Amino acid sequence: SKYHMQYMENNITTDATSVDEIIKQYPNSDYILDNNTNYWAITYFPTHWATYRVILFNTMQLIDTKNKKIIAQKACKYQPEYQDNMPSYDEMFANNGDLIKRETKKALDYCAKDLTHFLLND
């Protein structure tokens, strides 16, 4: 609310890394939340080989398109701890990896909230 933002979901992916290149791809946006995935994986738990999780290491940056600058940037690590209800390998890959997609979205949401907390405490 500090920046009067409205969330607009899209499925655009890019290899652009410079602020100018990223801004060109979103000409109608005032702000852009850019995610740079450094590493992600589907891995089993070393002590529970039959259960799997999605892990994600990324860097998110909030870009002010009007001023062409990065307002905030933060690295994030999403690596859930073991729980009794963790999925199996077959569950992870069932339905064309639907659970992998949902878990990846959960990881990205976690990192967006992490960036939000960073901004609010800045």
PDB file of N, CA and C in Angstrom:
ATOM      1  N   SER A   1       0.821  -1.205   0.000  1.00  0.00           N
ATOM      2  CA  SER A   1       0.000   0.000   0.000  1.00  0.00           C
ATOM      3  C   SER A   1       0.861   1.263   0.000  1.00  0.00           C
ATOM      4  N   LYS A   2       2.088   1.173   0.509  1.00  0.00           N
ATOM      5  CA  LYS A   2       2.984   2.332   0.521  1.00  0.00           C
ATOM      6  C   LYS A   2       3.202   2.875  -0.882  1.00  0.00           C
ATOM      7  N   TYR A   3       3.290   1.978  -1.866  1.00  0.00           N
ATOM      8  CA  TYR A   3       3.526   2.381  -3.252  1.00  0.00           C
ATOM      9  C   TYR A   3       2.267   2.304  -4.110  1.00  0.00           C
ATOM     10  N   HIS A   4       1.110   2.032  -3.477  1.00  0.00           N
ATOM     11  CA  HIS A   4      -0.179   1.947  -4.181  1.00  0.00           C
ATOM     12  C   HIS A   4      -0.102   0.955  -5.345  1.00  0.00           C
ATOM     13  N   MET A   5       0.385  -0.230  -5.054  1.00  0.00           N
ATOM     14  CA  MET A   5       0.577  -1.233  -6.093  1.00  0.00           C
ATOM     15  C   MET A   5      -0.633  -2.142  -6.234  1.00  0.00           C
ATOM     16  N   GLN A   6      -0.824  -2.617  -7.446  1.00  0.00           N
ATOM     17  CA  GLN A   6      -1.843  -3.609  -7.745  1.00  0.00           C
ATOM     18  C   GLN A   6      -1.138  -4.773  -8.421  1.00  0.00           C
ATOM     19  N   TYR A   7      -1.371  -5.962  -7.904  1.00  0.00           N
ATOM     20  CA  TYR A   7      -0.718  -7.149  -8.434  1.00  0.00           C
ATOM     21  C   TYR A   7      -1.378  -7.585  -9.732  1.00  0.00           C
ATOM     22  N   MET A   8      -0.560  -7.820 -10.761  1.00  0.00           N
ATOM     23  CA  MET A   8      -1.047  -8.303 -12.044  1.00  0.00           C
ATOM     24  C   MET A   8      -0.190  -9.499 -12.441  1.00  0.00           C
ATOM     25  N   GLU A   9      -0.801 -10.665 -12.462  1.00  0.00           N
ATOM     26  CA  GLU A   9      -0.064 -11.882 -12.776  1.00  0.00           C
ATOM     27  C   GLU A   9       0.114 -12.020 -14.284  1.00  0.00           C
ATOM     28  N   ASN A  10       1.258 -12.565 -14.681  1.00  0.00           N
ATOM     29  CA  ASN A  10       1.499 -12.864 -16.089  1.00  0.00           C
ATOM     30  C   ASN A  10       2.404 -14.079 -16.185  1.00  0.00           C
ATOM     31  N   ASN A  11       2.572 -14.564 -17.368  1.00  0.00           N
ATOM     32  CA  ASN A  11       3.416 -15.736 -17.591  1.00  0.00           C
ATOM     33  C   ASN A  11       4.636 -15.401 -18.441  1.00  0.00           C
ATOM     34  N   ILE A  12       5.071 -14.172 -18.385  1.00  0.00           N
ATOM     35  CA  ILE A  12       6.198 -13.736 -19.209  1.00  0.00           C
ATOM     36  C   ILE A  12       7.507 -14.179 -18.557  1.00  0.00           C
ATOM     37  N   THR A  13       8.346 -14.797 -19.349  1.00  0.00           N
ATOM     38  CA  THR A  13       9.698 -15.111 -18.897  1.00  0.00           C
ATOM     39  C   THR A  13      10.667 -14.363 -19.798  1.00  0.00           C
ATOM     40  N   THR A  14      11.825 -14.082 -19.256  1.00  0.00           N
ATOM     41  CA  THR A  14      12.802 -13.320 -20.014  1.00  0.00           C
ATOM     42  C   THR A  14      14.215 -13.711 -19.615  1.00  0.00           C
ATOM     43  N   ASP A  15      15.121 -13.508 -20.532  1.00  0.00           N
ATOM     44  CA  ASP A  15      16.539 -13.663 -20.235  1.00  0.00           C
ATOM     45  C   ASP A  15      17.195 -12.317 -19.981  1.00  0.00           C
ATOM     46  N   ALA A  16      16.395 -11.251 -20.062  1.00  0.00           N
ATOM     47  CA  ALA A  16      16.923  -9.903 -19.858  1.00  0.00           C
ATOM     48  C   ALA A  16      17.451  -9.762 -18.434  1.00  0.00           C
ATOM     49  N   THR A  17      18.567  -9.066 -18.317  1.00  0.00           N
ATOM     50  CA  THR A  17      19.155  -8.852 -16.997  1.00  0.00           C
ATOM     51  C   THR A  17      19.293  -7.376 -16.633  1.00  0.00           C
ATOM     52  N   SER A  18      19.352  -6.519 -17.625  1.00  0.00           N
ATOM     53  CA  SER A  18      19.498  -5.095 -17.310  1.00  0.00           C
ATOM     54  C   SER A  18      18.132  -4.485 -17.026  1.00  0.00           C
ATOM     55  N   VAL A  19      18.114  -3.476 -16.199  1.00  0.00           N
ATOM     56  CA  VAL A  19      16.870  -2.793 -15.848  1.00  0.00           C
ATOM     57  C   VAL A  19      16.191  -2.255 -17.098  1.00  0.00           C
ATOM     58  N   ASP A  20      16.935  -1.634 -17.983  1.00  0.00           N
ATOM     59  CA  ASP A  20      16.355  -1.081 -19.209  1.00  0.00           C
ATOM     60  C   ASP A  20      15.684  -2.156 -20.065  1.00  0.00           C
ATOM     61  N   GLU A  21      16.335  -3.296 -20.220  1.00  0.00           N
ATOM     62  CA  GLU A  21      15.762  -4.389 -21.013  1.00  0.00           C
ATOM     63  C   GLU A  21      14.483  -4.928 -20.378  1.00  0.00           C
ATOM     64  N   ILE A  22      14.483  -5.063 -19.063  1.00  0.00           N
ATOM     65  CA  ILE A  22      13.308  -5.573 -18.360  1.00  0.00           C
ATOM     66  C   ILE A  22      12.150  -4.590 -18.490  1.00  0.00           C
ATOM     67  N   ILE A  23      12.417  -3.314 -18.329  1.00  0.00           N
ATOM     68  CA  ILE A  23      11.372  -2.290 -18.419  1.00  0.00           C
ATOM     69  C   ILE A  23      10.732  -2.281 -19.803  1.00  0.00           C
ATOM     70  N   LYS A  24      11.525  -2.475 -20.849  1.00  0.00           N
ATOM     71  CA  LYS A  24      10.983  -2.487 -22.214  1.00  0.00           C
ATOM     72  C   LYS A  24       9.925  -3.575 -22.407  1.00  0.00           C
ATOM     73  N   GLN A  25      10.044  -4.661 -21.654  1.00  0.00           N
ATOM     74  CA  GLN A  25       9.114  -5.776 -21.794  1.00  0.00           C
ATOM     75  C   GLN A  25       7.793  -5.548 -21.054  1.00  0.00           C
ATOM     76  N   TYR A  26       7.747  -4.547 -20.207  1.00  0.00           N
ATOM     77  CA  TYR A  26       6.548  -4.237 -19.423  1.00  0.00           C
ATOM     78  C   TYR A  26       6.248  -2.739 -19.530  1.00  0.00           C
ATOM     79  N   PRO A  27       5.908  -2.256 -20.709  1.00  0.00           N
ATOM     80  CA  PRO A  27       5.780  -0.809 -20.926  1.00  0.00           C
ATOM     81  C   PRO A  27       4.647  -0.137 -20.150  1.00  0.00           C
ATOM     82  N   ASN A  28       3.644  -0.884 -19.712  1.00  0.00           N
ATOM     83  CA  ASN A  28       2.514  -0.282 -19.008  1.00  0.00           C
ATOM     84  C   ASN A  28       2.597  -0.423 -17.492  1.00  0.00           C
ATOM     85  N   SER A  29       3.733  -0.835 -16.982  1.00  0.00           N
ATOM     86  CA  SER A  29       3.883  -1.053 -15.545  1.00  0.00           C
ATOM     87  C   SER A  29       4.621   0.104 -14.895  1.00  0.00           C
ATOM     88  N   ASP A  30       4.191   0.440 -13.697  1.00  0.00           N
ATOM     89  CA  ASP A  30       4.901   1.442 -12.903  1.00  0.00           C
ATOM     90  C   ASP A  30       6.040   0.796 -12.111  1.00  0.00           C
ATOM     91  N   TYR A  31       5.793  -0.433 -11.670  1.00  0.00           N
ATOM     92  CA  TYR A  31       6.780  -1.193 -10.917  1.00  0.00           C
ATOM     93  C   TYR A  31       6.811  -2.614 -11.480  1.00  0.00           C
ATOM     94  N   ILE A  32       7.961  -3.236 -11.387  1.00  0.00           N
ATOM     95  CA  ILE A  32       8.117  -4.615 -11.834  1.00  0.00           C
ATOM     96  C   ILE A  32       8.794  -5.398 -10.716  1.00  0.00           C
ATOM     97  N   LEU A  33       8.210  -6.543 -10.373  1.00  0.00           N
ATOM     98  CA  LEU A  33       8.847  -7.461  -9.445  1.00  0.00           C
ATOM     99  C   LEU A  33       9.537  -8.516 -10.303  1.00  0.00           C
ATOM    100  N   ASP A  34      10.845  -8.434 -10.361  1.00  0.00           N
ATOM    101  CA  ASP A  34      11.637  -9.313 -11.213  1.00  0.00           C
ATOM    102  C   ASP A  34      12.238 -10.427 -10.364  1.00  0.00           C
ATOM    103  N   ASN A  35      12.094 -11.648 -10.836  1.00  0.00           N
ATOM    104  CA  ASN A  35      12.650 -12.808 -10.146  1.00  0.00           C
ATOM    105  C   ASN A  35      13.767 -13.413 -10.987  1.00  0.00           C
ATOM    106  N   ASN A  36      14.920 -13.557 -10.402  1.00  0.00           N
ATOM    107  CA  ASN A  36      16.037 -14.225 -11.060  1.00  0.00           C
ATOM    108  C   ASN A  36      16.302 -15.516 -10.293  1.00  0.00           C
ATOM    109  N   THR A  37      15.920 -16.636 -10.902  1.00  0.00           N
ATOM    110  CA  THR A  37      16.120 -17.928 -10.253  1.00  0.00           C
ATOM    111  C   THR A  37      17.574 -18.338 -10.411  1.00  0.00           C
ATOM    112  N   ASN A  38      18.261 -18.424  -9.287  1.00  0.00           N
ATOM    113  CA  ASN A  38      19.660 -18.847  -9.296  1.00  0.00           C
ATOM    114  C   ASN A  38      19.769 -20.367  -9.358  1.00  0.00           C
ATOM    115  N   TYR A  39      18.844 -21.034  -8.648  1.00  0.00           N
ATOM    116  CA  TYR A  39      18.903 -22.488  -8.559  1.00  0.00           C
ATOM    117  C   TYR A  39      17.560 -22.991  -8.056  1.00  0.00           C
ATOM    118  N   TRP A  40      17.061 -24.052  -8.647  1.00  0.00           N
ATOM    119  CA  TRP A  40      15.891 -24.733  -8.108  1.00  0.00           C
ATOM    120  C   TRP A  40      16.055 -26.213  -8.355  1.00  0.00           C
ATOM    121  N   ALA A  41      15.369 -27.000  -7.537  1.00  0.00           N
ATOM    122  CA  ALA A  41      15.498 -28.446  -7.668  1.00  0.00           C
ATOM    123  C   ALA A  41      14.321 -29.143  -7.006  1.00  0.00           C
ATOM    124  N   ILE A  42      14.145 -30.373  -7.387  1.00  0.00           N
ATOM    125  CA  ILE A  42      13.231 -31.279  -6.703  1.00  0.00           C
ATOM    126  C   ILE A  42      14.146 -32.305  -6.059  1.00  0.00           C
ATOM    127  N   THR A  43      14.070 -32.415  -4.768  1.00  0.00           N
ATOM    128  CA  THR A  43      15.007 -33.277  -4.066  1.00  0.00           C
ATOM    129  C   THR A  43      14.311 -34.064  -2.965  1.00  0.00           C
ATOM    130  N   TYR A  44      14.859 -35.219  -2.658  1.00  0.00           N
ATOM    131  CA  TYR A  44      14.335 -36.020  -1.559  1.00  0.00           C
ATOM    132  C   TYR A  44      15.001 -35.578  -0.264  1.00  0.00           C
ATOM    133  N   PHE A  45      14.420 -35.982   0.849  1.00  0.00           N
ATOM    134  CA  PHE A  45      15.021 -35.698   2.152  1.00  0.00           C
ATOM    135  C   PHE A  45      16.020 -36.797   2.480  1.00  0.00           C
ATOM    136  N   PRO A  46      17.218 -36.462   2.877  1.00  0.00           N
ATOM    137  CA  PRO A  46      18.246 -37.472   3.143  1.00  0.00           C
ATOM    138  C   PRO A  46      17.840 -38.518   4.178  1.00  0.00           C
ATOM    139  N   THR A  47      16.979 -38.149   5.106  1.00  0.00           N
ATOM    140  CA  THR A  47      16.548 -39.111   6.125  1.00  0.00           C
ATOM    141  C   THR A  47      15.181 -39.716   5.817  1.00  0.00           C
ATOM    142  N   HIS A  48      14.555 -39.283   4.748  1.00  0.00           N
ATOM    143  CA  HIS A  48      13.235 -39.786   4.332  1.00  0.00           C
ATOM    144  C   HIS A  48      13.233 -39.881   2.806  1.00  0.00           C
ATOM    145  N   TRP A  49      13.857 -40.891   2.275  1.00  0.00           N
ATOM    146  CA  TRP A  49      14.090 -40.997   0.836  1.00  0.00           C
ATOM    147  C   TRP A  49      12.830 -41.067  -0.005  1.00  0.00           C
ATOM    148  N   ALA A  50      11.712 -41.410   0.572  1.00  0.00           N
ATOM    149  CA  ALA A  50      10.479 -41.552  -0.203  1.00  0.00           C
ATOM    150  C   ALA A  50       9.688 -40.247  -0.300  1.00  0.00           C
ATOM    151  N   THR A  51      10.192 -39.178   0.299  1.00  0.00           N
ATOM    152  CA  THR A  51       9.478 -37.894   0.285  1.00  0.00           C
ATOM    153  C   THR A  51      10.320 -36.817  -0.398  1.00  0.00           C
ATOM    154  N   TYR A  52       9.627 -35.933  -1.094  1.00  0.00           N
ATOM    155  CA  TYR A  52      10.297 -34.933  -1.931  1.00  0.00           C
ATOM    156  C   TYR A  52       9.812 -33.521  -1.632  1.00  0.00           C
ATOM    157  N   ARG A  53      10.598 -32.557  -2.087  1.00  0.00           N
ATOM    158  CA  ARG A  53      10.264 -31.140  -1.943  1.00  0.00           C
ATOM    159  C   ARG A  53      10.859 -30.362  -3.099  1.00  0.00           C
ATOM    160  N   VAL A  54      10.312 -29.176  -3.319  1.00  0.00           N
ATOM    161  CA  VAL A  54      10.879 -28.215  -4.262  1.00  0.00           C
ATOM    162  C   VAL A  54      11.692 -27.230  -3.437  1.00  0.00           C
ATOM    163  N   ILE A  55      12.923 -26.973  -3.867  1.00  0.00           N
ATOM    164  CA  ILE A  55      13.726 -25.931  -3.228  1.00  0.00           C
ATOM    165  C   ILE A  55      14.045 -24.863  -4.277  1.00  0.00           C
ATOM    166  N   LEU A  56      14.224 -23.643  -3.802  1.00  0.00           N
ATOM    167  CA  LEU A  56      14.451 -22.515  -4.696  1.00  0.00           C
ATOM    168  C   LEU A  56      15.406 -21.532  -4.044  1.00  0.00           C
ATOM    169  N   PHE A  57      16.396 -21.101  -4.801  1.00  0.00           N
ATOM    170  CA  PHE A  57      17.289 -20.027  -4.390  1.00  0.00           C
ATOM    171  C   PHE A  57      17.189 -18.967  -5.482  1.00  0.00           C
ATOM    172  N   ASN A  58      16.798 -17.767  -5.107  1.00  0.00           N
ATOM    173  CA  ASN A  58      16.610 -16.732  -6.119  1.00  0.00           C
ATOM    174  C   ASN A  58      16.968 -15.355  -5.589  1.00  0.00           C
ATOM    175  N   THR A  59      16.913 -14.389  -6.494  1.00  0.00           N
ATOM    176  CA  THR A  59      17.059 -12.991  -6.136  1.00  0.00           C
ATOM    177  C   THR A  59      15.879 -12.254  -6.737  1.00  0.00           C
ATOM    178  N   MET A  60      15.159 -11.524  -5.898  1.00  0.00           N
ATOM    179  CA  MET A  60      14.040 -10.716  -6.376  1.00  0.00           C
ATOM    180  C   MET A  60      14.427  -9.251  -6.271  1.00  0.00           C
ATOM    181  N   GLN A  61      13.969  -8.507  -7.267  1.00  0.00           N
ATOM    182  CA  GLN A  61      14.210  -7.068  -7.219  1.00  0.00           C
ATOM    183  C   GLN A  61      12.935  -6.333  -7.627  1.00  0.00           C
ATOM    184  N   LEU A  62      12.695  -5.224  -6.959  1.00  0.00           N
ATOM    185  CA  LEU A  62      11.562  -4.374  -7.273  1.00  0.00           C
ATOM    186  C   LEU A  62      12.103  -3.194  -8.065  1.00  0.00           C
ATOM    187  N   ILE A  63      11.572  -3.029  -9.286  1.00  0.00           N
ATOM    188  CA  ILE A  63      12.071  -1.999 -10.198  1.00  0.00           C
ATOM    189  C   ILE A  63      11.030  -0.900 -10.345  1.00  0.00           C
ATOM    190  N   ASP A  64      11.470   0.332 -10.175  1.00  0.00           N
ATOM    191  CA  ASP A  64      10.652   1.520 -10.432  1.00  0.00           C
ATOM    192  C   ASP A  64      10.868   1.879 -11.898  1.00  0.00           C
ATOM    193  N   THR A  65       9.843   1.680 -12.742  1.00  0.00           N
ATOM    194  CA  THR A  65      10.021   1.874 -14.185  1.00  0.00           C
ATOM    195  C   THR A  65      10.142   3.349 -14.555  1.00  0.00           C
ATOM    196  N   LYS A  66       9.474   4.226 -13.816  1.00  0.00           N
ATOM    197  CA  LYS A  66       9.522   5.656 -14.132  1.00  0.00           C
ATOM    198  C   LYS A  66      10.934   6.211 -13.948  1.00  0.00           C
ATOM    199  N   ASN A  67      11.570   5.820 -12.850  1.00  0.00           N
ATOM    200  CA  ASN A  67      12.915   6.309 -12.558  1.00  0.00           C
ATOM    201  C   ASN A  67      14.017   5.358 -13.026  1.00  0.00           C
ATOM    202  N   LYS A  68      13.608   4.223 -13.600  1.00  0.00           N
ATOM    203  CA  LYS A  68      14.545   3.222 -14.123  1.00  0.00           C
ATOM    204  C   LYS A  68      15.608   2.827 -13.102  1.00  0.00           C
ATOM    205  N   LYS A  69      15.107   2.466 -11.905  1.00  0.00           N
ATOM    206  CA  LYS A  69      16.056   2.053 -10.873  1.00  0.00           C
ATOM    207  C   LYS A  69      15.468   0.942 -10.017  1.00  0.00           C
ATOM    208  N   ILE A  70      16.356   0.219  -9.386  1.00  0.00           N
ATOM    209  CA  ILE A  70      15.974  -0.854  -8.478  1.00  0.00           C
ATOM    210  C   ILE A  70      15.721  -0.242  -7.110  1.00  0.00           C
ATOM    211  N   ILE A  71      14.505  -0.428  -6.609  1.00  0.00           N
ATOM    212  CA  ILE A  71      14.144   0.092  -5.290  1.00  0.00           C
ATOM    213  C   ILE A  71      14.673  -0.825  -4.194  1.00  0.00           C
ATOM    214  N   ALA A  72      14.540  -2.134  -4.416  1.00  0.00           N
ATOM    215  CA  ALA A  72      14.987  -3.116  -3.432  1.00  0.00           C
ATOM    216  C   ALA A  72      15.400  -4.386  -4.137  1.00  0.00           C
ATOM    217  N   GLN A  73      16.343  -5.082  -3.530  1.00  0.00           N
ATOM    218  CA  GLN A  73      16.817  -6.351  -4.071  1.00  0.00           C
ATOM    219  C   GLN A  73      17.159  -7.253  -2.900  1.00  0.00           C
ATOM    220  N   LYS A  74      16.734  -8.515  -2.979  1.00  0.00           N
ATOM    221  CA  LYS A  74      16.987  -9.424  -1.867  1.00  0.00           C
ATOM    222  C   LYS A  74      17.098 -10.860  -2.358  1.00  0.00           C
ATOM    223  N   ALA A  75      18.074 -11.557  -1.845  1.00  0.00           N
ATOM    224  CA  ALA A  75      18.214 -12.985  -2.114  1.00  0.00           C
ATOM    225  C   ALA A  75      17.266 -13.744  -1.196  1.00  0.00           C
ATOM    226  N   CYS A  76      16.806 -14.895  -1.676  1.00  0.00           N
ATOM    227  CA  CYS A  76      15.858 -15.693  -0.897  1.00  0.00           C
ATOM    228  C   CYS A  76      16.194 -17.171  -1.054  1.00  0.00           C
ATOM    229  N   LYS A  77      15.987 -17.888   0.035  1.00  0.00           N
ATOM    230  CA  LYS A  77      16.160 -19.340   0.022  1.00  0.00           C
ATOM    231  C   LYS A  77      14.872 -19.969   0.532  1.00  0.00           C
ATOM    232  N   TYR A  78      14.258 -20.795  -0.303  1.00  0.00           N
ATOM    233  CA  TYR A  78      13.065 -21.539   0.090  1.00  0.00           C
ATOM    234  C   TYR A  78      13.442 -22.999   0.112  1.00  0.00           C
ATOM    235  N   GLN A  79      13.454 -23.571   1.302  1.00  0.00           N
ATOM    236  CA  GLN A  79      13.863 -24.964   1.465  1.00  0.00           C
ATOM    237  C   GLN A  79      13.057 -25.556   2.623  1.00  0.00           C
ATOM    238  N   PRO A  80      11.849 -26.053   2.320  1.00  0.00           N
ATOM    239  CA  PRO A  80      10.976 -26.540   3.388  1.00  0.00           C
ATOM    240  C   PRO A  80      11.591 -27.686   4.190  1.00  0.00           C
ATOM    241  N   GLU A  81      11.277 -27.684   5.467  1.00  0.00           N
ATOM    242  CA  GLU A  81      11.706 -28.771   6.356  1.00  0.00           C
ATOM    243  C   GLU A  81      10.782 -29.973   6.162  1.00  0.00           C
ATOM    244  N   TYR A  82      11.238 -31.114   6.600  1.00  0.00           N
ATOM    245  CA  TYR A  82      10.450 -32.338   6.476  1.00  0.00           C
ATOM    246  C   TYR A  82       9.178 -32.253   7.311  1.00  0.00           C
ATOM    247  N   GLN A  83       8.079 -32.732   6.731  1.00  0.00           N
ATOM    248  CA  GLN A  83       6.808 -32.906   7.429  1.00  0.00           C
ATOM    249  C   GLN A  83       6.252 -34.268   7.035  1.00  0.00           C
ATOM    250  N   ASP A  84       5.401 -34.818   7.869  1.00  0.00           N
ATOM    251  CA  ASP A  84       4.849 -36.153   7.607  1.00  0.00           C
ATOM    252  C   ASP A  84       4.084 -36.249   6.291  1.00  0.00           C
ATOM    253  N   ASN A  85       3.510 -35.153   5.816  1.00  0.00           N
ATOM    254  CA  ASN A  85       2.661 -35.204   4.617  1.00  0.00           C
ATOM    255  C   ASN A  85       3.392 -34.812   3.331  1.00  0.00           C
ATOM    256  N   MET A  86       4.706 -34.875   3.322  1.00  0.00           N
ATOM    257  CA  MET A  86       5.459 -34.506   2.126  1.00  0.00           C
ATOM    258  C   MET A  86       5.168 -35.512   1.007  1.00  0.00           C
ATOM    259  N   PRO A  87       5.149 -35.046  -0.251  1.00  0.00           N
ATOM    260  CA  PRO A  87       4.780 -35.915  -1.371  1.00  0.00           C
ATOM    261  C   PRO A  87       5.877 -36.912  -1.754  1.00  0.00           C
ATOM    262  N   SER A  88       5.431 -37.952  -2.421  1.00  0.00           N
ATOM    263  CA  SER A  88       6.352 -38.946  -2.970  1.00  0.00           C
ATOM    264  C   SER A  88       6.823 -38.475  -4.346  1.00  0.00           C
ATOM    265  N   TYR A  89       7.752 -39.217  -4.915  1.00  0.00           N
ATOM    266  CA  TYR A  89       8.230 -38.923  -6.266  1.00  0.00           C
ATOM    267  C   TYR A  89       7.080 -38.988  -7.262  1.00  0.00           C
ATOM    268  N   ASP A  90       6.285 -40.037  -7.174  1.00  0.00           N
ATOM    269  CA  ASP A  90       5.158 -40.197  -8.101  1.00  0.00           C
ATOM    270  C   ASP A  90       4.145 -39.065  -7.965  1.00  0.00           C
ATOM    271  N   GLU A  91       3.875 -38.641  -6.754  1.00  0.00           N
ATOM    272  CA  GLU A  91       2.944 -37.521  -6.541  1.00  0.00           C
ATOM    273  C   GLU A  91       3.496 -36.224  -7.130  1.00  0.00           C
ATOM    274  N   MET A  92       4.781 -36.011  -6.978  1.00  0.00           N
ATOM    275  CA  MET A  92       5.409 -34.790  -7.517  1.00  0.00           C
ATOM    276  C   MET A  92       5.252 -34.705  -9.028  1.00  0.00           C
ATOM    277  N   PHE A  93       5.437 -35.820  -9.705  1.00  0.00           N
ATOM    278  CA  PHE A  93       5.459 -35.807 -11.172  1.00  0.00           C
ATOM    279  C   PHE A  93       4.125 -36.176 -11.826  1.00  0.00           C
ATOM    280  N   ALA A  94       3.115 -36.489 -11.026  1.00  0.00           N
ATOM    281  CA  ALA A  94       1.806 -36.833 -11.578  1.00  0.00           C
ATOM    282  C   ALA A  94       1.175 -35.630 -12.273  1.00  0.00           C
ATOM    283  N   ASN A  95       0.288 -35.889 -13.215  1.00  0.00           N
ATOM    284  CA  ASN A  95      -0.460 -34.828 -13.926  1.00  0.00           C
ATOM    285  C   ASN A  95       0.469 -33.774 -14.537  1.00  0.00           C
ATOM    286  N   ASN A  96       1.480 -34.254 -15.250  1.00  0.00           N
ATOM    287  CA  ASN A  96       2.441 -33.352 -15.913  1.00  0.00           C
ATOM    288  C   ASN A  96       3.131 -32.401 -14.946  1.00  0.00           C
ATOM    289  N   GLY A  97       3.412 -32.878 -13.738  1.00  0.00           N
ATOM    290  CA  GLY A  97       4.140 -32.063 -12.773  1.00  0.00           C
ATOM    291  C   GLY A  97       3.312 -30.963 -12.130  1.00  0.00           C
ATOM    292  N   ASP A  98       2.004 -31.159 -12.044  1.00  0.00           N
ATOM    293  CA  ASP A  98       1.127 -30.137 -11.474  1.00  0.00           C
ATOM    294  C   ASP A  98       1.560 -29.731 -10.063  1.00  0.00           C
ATOM    295  N   LEU A  99       1.925 -30.698  -9.234  1.00  0.00           N
ATOM    296  CA  LEU A  99       2.360 -30.387  -7.873  1.00  0.00           C
ATOM    297  C   LEU A  99       3.670 -29.599  -7.884  1.00  0.00           C
ATOM    298  N   ILE A 100       4.563 -29.908  -8.802  1.00  0.00           N
ATOM    299  CA  ILE A 100       5.816 -29.151  -8.916  1.00  0.00           C
ATOM    300  C   ILE A 100       5.511 -27.691  -9.220  1.00  0.00           C
ATOM    301  N   LYS A 101       4.573 -27.451 -10.125  1.00  0.00           N
ATOM    302  CA  LYS A 101       4.183 -26.077 -10.472  1.00  0.00           C
ATOM    303  C   LYS A 101       3.594 -25.351  -9.269  1.00  0.00           C
ATOM    304  N   ARG A 102       2.722 -26.039  -8.527  1.00  0.00           N
ATOM    305  CA  ARG A 102       2.108 -25.413  -7.340  1.00  0.00           C
ATOM    306  C   ARG A 102       3.150 -25.134  -6.257  1.00  0.00           C
ATOM    307  N   GLU A 103       4.070 -26.064  -6.058  1.00  0.00           N
ATOM    308  CA  GLU A 103       5.113 -25.880  -5.054  1.00  0.00           C
ATOM    309  C   GLU A 103       6.089 -24.760  -5.456  1.00  0.00           C
ATOM    310  N   THR A 104       6.360 -24.649  -6.748  1.00  0.00           N
ATOM    311  CA  THR A 104       7.219 -23.563  -7.219  1.00  0.00           C
ATOM    312  C   THR A 104       6.535 -22.223  -7.004  1.00  0.00           C
ATOM    313  N   LYS A 105       5.236 -22.145  -7.262  1.00  0.00           N
ATOM    314  CA  LYS A 105       4.483 -20.913  -7.000  1.00  0.00           C
ATOM    315  C   LYS A 105       4.514 -20.581  -5.517  1.00  0.00           C
ATOM    316  N   LYS A 106       4.377 -21.598  -4.667  1.00  0.00           N
ATOM    317  CA  LYS A 106       4.445 -21.390  -3.223  1.00  0.00           C
ATOM    318  C   LYS A 106       5.819 -20.808  -2.837  1.00  0.00           C
ATOM    319  N   ALA A 107       6.870 -21.321  -3.454  1.00  0.00           N
ATOM    320  CA  ALA A 107       8.225 -20.826  -3.178  1.00  0.00           C
ATOM    321  C   ALA A 107       8.368 -19.363  -3.607  1.00  0.00           C
ATOM    322  N   LEU A 108       7.847 -19.036  -4.791  1.00  0.00           N
ATOM    323  CA  LEU A 108       7.924 -17.655  -5.269  1.00  0.00           C
ATOM    324  C   LEU A 108       7.106 -16.718  -4.396  1.00  0.00           C
ATOM    325  N   ASP A 109       5.930 -17.157  -3.950  1.00  0.00           N
ATOM    326  CA  ASP A 109       5.119 -16.347  -3.038  1.00  0.00           C
ATOM    327  C   ASP A 109       5.857 -16.109  -1.727  1.00  0.00           C
ATOM    328  N   TYR A 110       6.522 -17.145  -1.227  1.00  0.00           N
ATOM    329  CA  TYR A 110       7.313 -17.019  -0.003  1.00  0.00           C
ATOM    330  C   TYR A 110       8.399 -15.951  -0.176  1.00  0.00           C
ATOM    331  N   CYS A 111       9.077 -15.990  -1.305  1.00  0.00           N
ATOM    332  CA  CYS A 111      10.162 -15.024  -1.547  1.00  0.00           C
ATOM    333  C   CYS A 111       9.618 -13.611  -1.764  1.00  0.00           C
ATOM    334  N   ALA A 112       8.452 -13.484  -2.374  1.00  0.00           N
ATOM    335  CA  ALA A 112       7.835 -12.160  -2.532  1.00  0.00           C
ATOM    336  C   ALA A 112       7.471 -11.592  -1.166  1.00  0.00           C
ATOM    337  N   LYS A 113       6.951 -12.423  -0.281  1.00  0.00           N
ATOM    338  CA  LYS A 113       6.644 -11.967   1.079  1.00  0.00           C
ATOM    339  C   LYS A 113       7.913 -11.599   1.829  1.00  0.00           C
ATOM    340  N   ASP A 114       8.971 -12.364   1.606  1.00  0.00           N
ATOM    341  CA  ASP A 114      10.258 -12.065   2.233  1.00  0.00           C
ATOM    342  C   ASP A 114      10.756 -10.683   1.790  1.00  0.00           C
ATOM    343  N   LEU A 115      10.619 -10.382   0.507  1.00  0.00           N
ATOM    344  CA  LEU A 115      11.009  -9.063  -0.007  1.00  0.00           C
ATOM    345  C   LEU A 115      10.106  -7.980   0.588  1.00  0.00           C
ATOM    346  N   THR A 116       8.817  -8.265   0.715  1.00  0.00           N
ATOM    347  CA  THR A 116       7.881  -7.303   1.307  1.00  0.00           C
ATOM    348  C   THR A 116       8.288  -6.968   2.734  1.00  0.00           C
ATOM    349  N   HIS A 117       8.607  -7.980   3.536  1.00  0.00           N
ATOM    350  CA  HIS A 117       9.044  -7.734   4.907  1.00  0.00           C
ATOM    351  C   HIS A 117      10.325  -6.903   4.933  1.00  0.00           C
ATOM    352  N   PHE A 118      11.207  -7.183   4.013  1.00  0.00           N
ATOM    353  CA  PHE A 118      12.445  -6.414   3.890  1.00  0.00           C
ATOM    354  C   PHE A 118      12.144  -4.942   3.600  1.00  0.00           C
ATOM    355  N   LEU A 119      11.224  -4.694   2.684  1.00  0.00           N
ATOM    356  CA  LEU A 119      10.847  -3.321   2.323  1.00  0.00           C
ATOM    357  C   LEU A 119      10.192  -2.591   3.488  1.00  0.00           C
ATOM    358  N   LEU A 120       9.318  -3.283   4.201  1.00  0.00           N
ATOM    359  CA  LEU A 120       8.597  -2.654   5.306  1.00  0.00           C
ATOM    360  C   LEU A 120       9.492  -2.346   6.497  1.00  0.00           C
ATOM    361  N   ASN A 121      10.571  -3.100   6.629  1.00  0.00           N
ATOM    362  CA  ASN A 121      11.493  -2.873   7.746  1.00  0.00           C
ATOM    363  C   ASN A 121      12.691  -2.025   7.354  1.00  0.00           C
ATOM    364  N   ASP A 122      12.694  -1.563   6.106  1.00  0.00           N
ATOM    365  CA  ASP A 122      13.813  -0.755   5.600  1.00  0.00           C
ATOM    366  C   ASP A 122      13.692   0.667   6.076  1.00  0.00           C
TER     367      ASP A 122
END
